[in-house]
Amino acid sequence: MFKIFVKFKCFDGKRNDFVKRVKEEGILDLIRGEDGCHLYEYYYSDERENELLLIEMWESPEHQQIHIKTPHMDKLRSFKNDYIYETEIGEFFTK
């Protein structure tokens, strides 16, 4: 299992709008339906109102690499910068 986190820093008041748009565009459903996707979930910080955490779990790194090249991810990237000004990505290592 390949697990990553993505921490987004959103512009003031844009965190919920970003997630709402990802849902309304159908992107979230498309991602969750991808081959090898086990989890793709957004989490909200209760202390930092402009932070958003995404947890992704994929069958393999190869599945995740295929995911980032899909047309729906191109669409997400086309509007992401309207909501998010910084992105940090890391990998979870578990036994």
C-alpha atoms as a PDB file:
ATOM      1  CA  MET A   1       0.000   0.000   0.000  1.00  0.00           C
ATOM      2  CA  PHE A   2       1.293   3.453  -0.962  1.00  0.00           C
ATOM      3  CA  LYS A   3       0.152   6.231   1.390  1.00  0.00           C
ATOM      4  CA  ILE A   4       0.729   9.949   0.999  1.00  0.00           C
ATOM      5  CA  PHE A   5      -0.466  13.150   2.586  1.00  0.00           C
ATOM      6  CA  VAL A   6      -0.935  16.477   0.886  1.00  0.00           C
ATOM      7  CA  LYS A   7      -1.142  19.575   3.069  1.00  0.00           C
ATOM      8  CA  PHE A   8      -2.676  22.600   1.394  1.00  0.00           C
ATOM      9  CA  LYS A   9      -2.508  26.178   2.603  1.00  0.00           C
ATOM     10  CA  CYS A  10      -5.579  27.936   1.265  1.00  0.00           C
ATOM     11  CA  PHE A  11      -6.280  31.600   0.713  1.00  0.00           C
ATOM     12  CA  ASP A  12      -8.479  33.139   3.422  1.00  0.00           C
ATOM     13  CA  GLY A  13     -11.995  31.738   3.251  1.00  0.00           C
ATOM     14  CA  LYS A  14     -11.246  29.479   0.260  1.00  0.00           C
ATOM     15  CA  ARG A  15     -10.743  26.073   1.915  1.00  0.00           C
ATOM     16  CA  ASN A  16     -14.369  24.945   1.818  1.00  0.00           C
ATOM     17  CA  ASP A  17     -14.870  26.488  -1.620  1.00  0.00           C
ATOM     18  CA  PHE A  18     -12.031  24.379  -3.030  1.00  0.00           C
ATOM     19  CA  VAL A  19     -13.414  21.095  -1.709  1.00  0.00           C
ATOM     20  CA  LYS A  20     -16.910  22.062  -2.831  1.00  0.00           C
ATOM     21  CA  ARG A  21     -15.674  22.731  -6.358  1.00  0.00           C
ATOM     22  CA  VAL A  22     -13.744  19.440  -6.509  1.00  0.00           C
ATOM     23  CA  LYS A  23     -16.987  17.673  -5.576  1.00  0.00           C
ATOM     24  CA  GLU A  24     -19.241  19.698  -7.890  1.00  0.00           C
ATOM     25  CA  GLU A  25     -16.932  19.123 -10.870  1.00  0.00           C
ATOM     26  CA  GLY A  26     -17.227  15.358 -10.237  1.00  0.00           C
ATOM     27  CA  ILE A  27     -13.482  15.070  -9.721  1.00  0.00           C
ATOM     28  CA  LEU A  28     -13.690  13.489  -6.279  1.00  0.00           C
ATOM     29  CA  ASP A  29     -15.943  10.677  -7.517  1.00  0.00           C
ATOM     30  CA  LEU A  30     -13.699  10.070 -10.523  1.00  0.00           C
ATOM     31  CA  ILE A  31     -10.601   9.826  -8.325  1.00  0.00           C
ATOM     32  CA  ARG A  32     -12.247   7.473  -5.860  1.00  0.00           C
ATOM     33  CA  GLY A  33     -13.283   5.265  -8.781  1.00  0.00           C
ATOM     34  CA  GLU A  34      -9.775   4.977 -10.182  1.00  0.00           C
ATOM     35  CA  ASP A  35      -8.074   1.602 -10.317  1.00  0.00           C
ATOM     36  CA  GLY A  36      -5.897   1.176  -7.236  1.00  0.00           C
ATOM     37  CA  CYS A  37      -7.464   3.963  -5.162  1.00  0.00           C
ATOM     38  CA  HIS A  38      -8.184   2.759  -1.623  1.00  0.00           C
ATOM     39  CA  LEU A  39      -8.685   6.158   0.045  1.00  0.00           C
ATOM     40  CA  TYR A  40      -8.863   9.784  -1.027  1.00  0.00           C
ATOM     41  CA  GLU A  41     -10.161  11.961   1.810  1.00  0.00           C
ATOM     42  CA  TYR A  42      -9.950  15.620   2.791  1.00  0.00           C
ATOM     43  CA  TYR A  43      -9.594  16.584   6.472  1.00  0.00           C
ATOM     44  CA  TYR A  44     -10.033  20.010   8.036  1.00  0.00           C
ATOM     45  CA  SER A  45      -7.846  21.465  10.773  1.00  0.00           C
ATOM     46  CA  ASP A  46      -9.848  22.737  13.720  1.00  0.00           C
ATOM     47  CA  GLU A  47      -7.033  25.126  14.683  1.00  0.00           C
ATOM     48  CA  ARG A  48      -5.841  26.402  11.296  1.00  0.00           C
ATOM     49  CA  GLU A  49      -8.859  27.487   9.287  1.00  0.00           C
ATOM     50  CA  ASN A  50      -6.901  27.846   6.042  1.00  0.00           C
ATOM     51  CA  GLU A  51      -5.254  24.423   6.110  1.00  0.00           C
ATOM     52  CA  LEU A  52      -6.573  21.350   4.376  1.00  0.00           C
ATOM     53  CA  LEU A  53      -5.136  17.850   4.618  1.00  0.00           C
ATOM     54  CA  LEU A  54      -5.591  15.188   1.957  1.00  0.00           C
ATOM     55  CA  ILE A  55      -4.845  11.534   2.711  1.00  0.00           C
ATOM     56  CA  GLU A  56      -4.365   9.235  -0.266  1.00  0.00           C
ATOM     57  CA  MET A  57      -3.940   5.459  -0.207  1.00  0.00           C
ATOM     58  CA  TRP A  58      -3.076   3.655  -3.435  1.00  0.00           C
ATOM     59  CA  GLU A  59      -2.404   0.056  -4.317  1.00  0.00           C
ATOM     60  CA  SER A  60       1.083   1.075  -5.485  1.00  0.00           C
ATOM     61  CA  PRO A  61       3.163   4.129  -6.377  1.00  0.00           C
ATOM     62  CA  GLU A  62       2.487   3.292 -10.019  1.00  0.00           C
ATOM     63  CA  HIS A  63      -1.281   3.626  -9.478  1.00  0.00           C
ATOM     64  CA  GLN A  64      -0.759   7.036  -7.902  1.00  0.00           C
ATOM     65  CA  GLN A  65       1.437   8.135 -10.808  1.00  0.00           C
ATOM     66  CA  ILE A  66      -1.251   7.116 -13.296  1.00  0.00           C
ATOM     67  CA  HIS A  67      -3.751   9.085 -11.180  1.00  0.00           C
ATOM     68  CA  ILE A  68      -1.850  12.366 -11.412  1.00  0.00           C
ATOM     69  CA  LYS A  69      -1.821  12.130 -15.224  1.00  0.00           C
ATOM     70  CA  THR A  70      -5.597  11.780 -15.638  1.00  0.00           C
ATOM     71  CA  PRO A  71      -7.722  14.421 -17.392  1.00  0.00           C
ATOM     72  CA  HIS A  72      -9.696  15.097 -14.208  1.00  0.00           C
ATOM     73  CA  MET A  73      -6.469  15.925 -12.350  1.00  0.00           C
ATOM     74  CA  ASP A  74      -5.546  18.307 -15.169  1.00  0.00           C
ATOM     75  CA  LYS A  75      -8.928  19.948 -14.601  1.00  0.00           C
ATOM     76  CA  LEU A  76      -8.290  20.196 -10.837  1.00  0.00           C
ATOM     77  CA  ARG A  77      -4.896  21.769 -11.455  1.00  0.00           C
ATOM     78  CA  SER A  78      -6.532  24.318 -13.788  1.00  0.00           C
ATOM     79  CA  PHE A  79      -8.369  25.929 -10.842  1.00  0.00           C
ATOM     80  CA  LYS A  80      -6.321  24.864  -7.808  1.00  0.00           C
ATOM     81  CA  ASN A  81      -4.274  28.089  -7.680  1.00  0.00           C
ATOM     82  CA  ASP A  82      -7.469  30.111  -7.291  1.00  0.00           C
ATOM     83  CA  TYR A  83      -7.853  28.541  -3.827  1.00  0.00           C
ATOM     84  CA  ILE A  84      -4.442  27.265  -2.711  1.00  0.00           C
ATOM     85  CA  TYR A  85      -1.109  29.049  -2.437  1.00  0.00           C
ATOM     86  CA  GLU A  86       1.108  26.321  -0.967  1.00  0.00           C
ATOM     87  CA  THR A  87       1.229  22.535  -1.181  1.00  0.00           C
ATOM     88  CA  GLU A  88       3.355  20.089   0.808  1.00  0.00           C
ATOM     89  CA  ILE A  89       3.466  16.387  -0.077  1.00  0.00           C
ATOM     90  CA  GLY A  90       4.846  13.555   2.004  1.00  0.00           C
ATOM     91  CA  GLU A  91       4.733   9.796   2.230  1.00  0.00           C
ATOM     92  CA  PHE A  92       3.523   7.724   5.179  1.00  0.00           C
ATOM     93  CA  PHE A  93       5.733   4.839   6.172  1.00  0.00           C
ATOM     94  CA  THR A  94       3.982   2.102   8.138  1.00  0.00           C
ATOM     95  CA  LYS A  95       4.801  -1.451   9.031  1.00  0.00           C
END
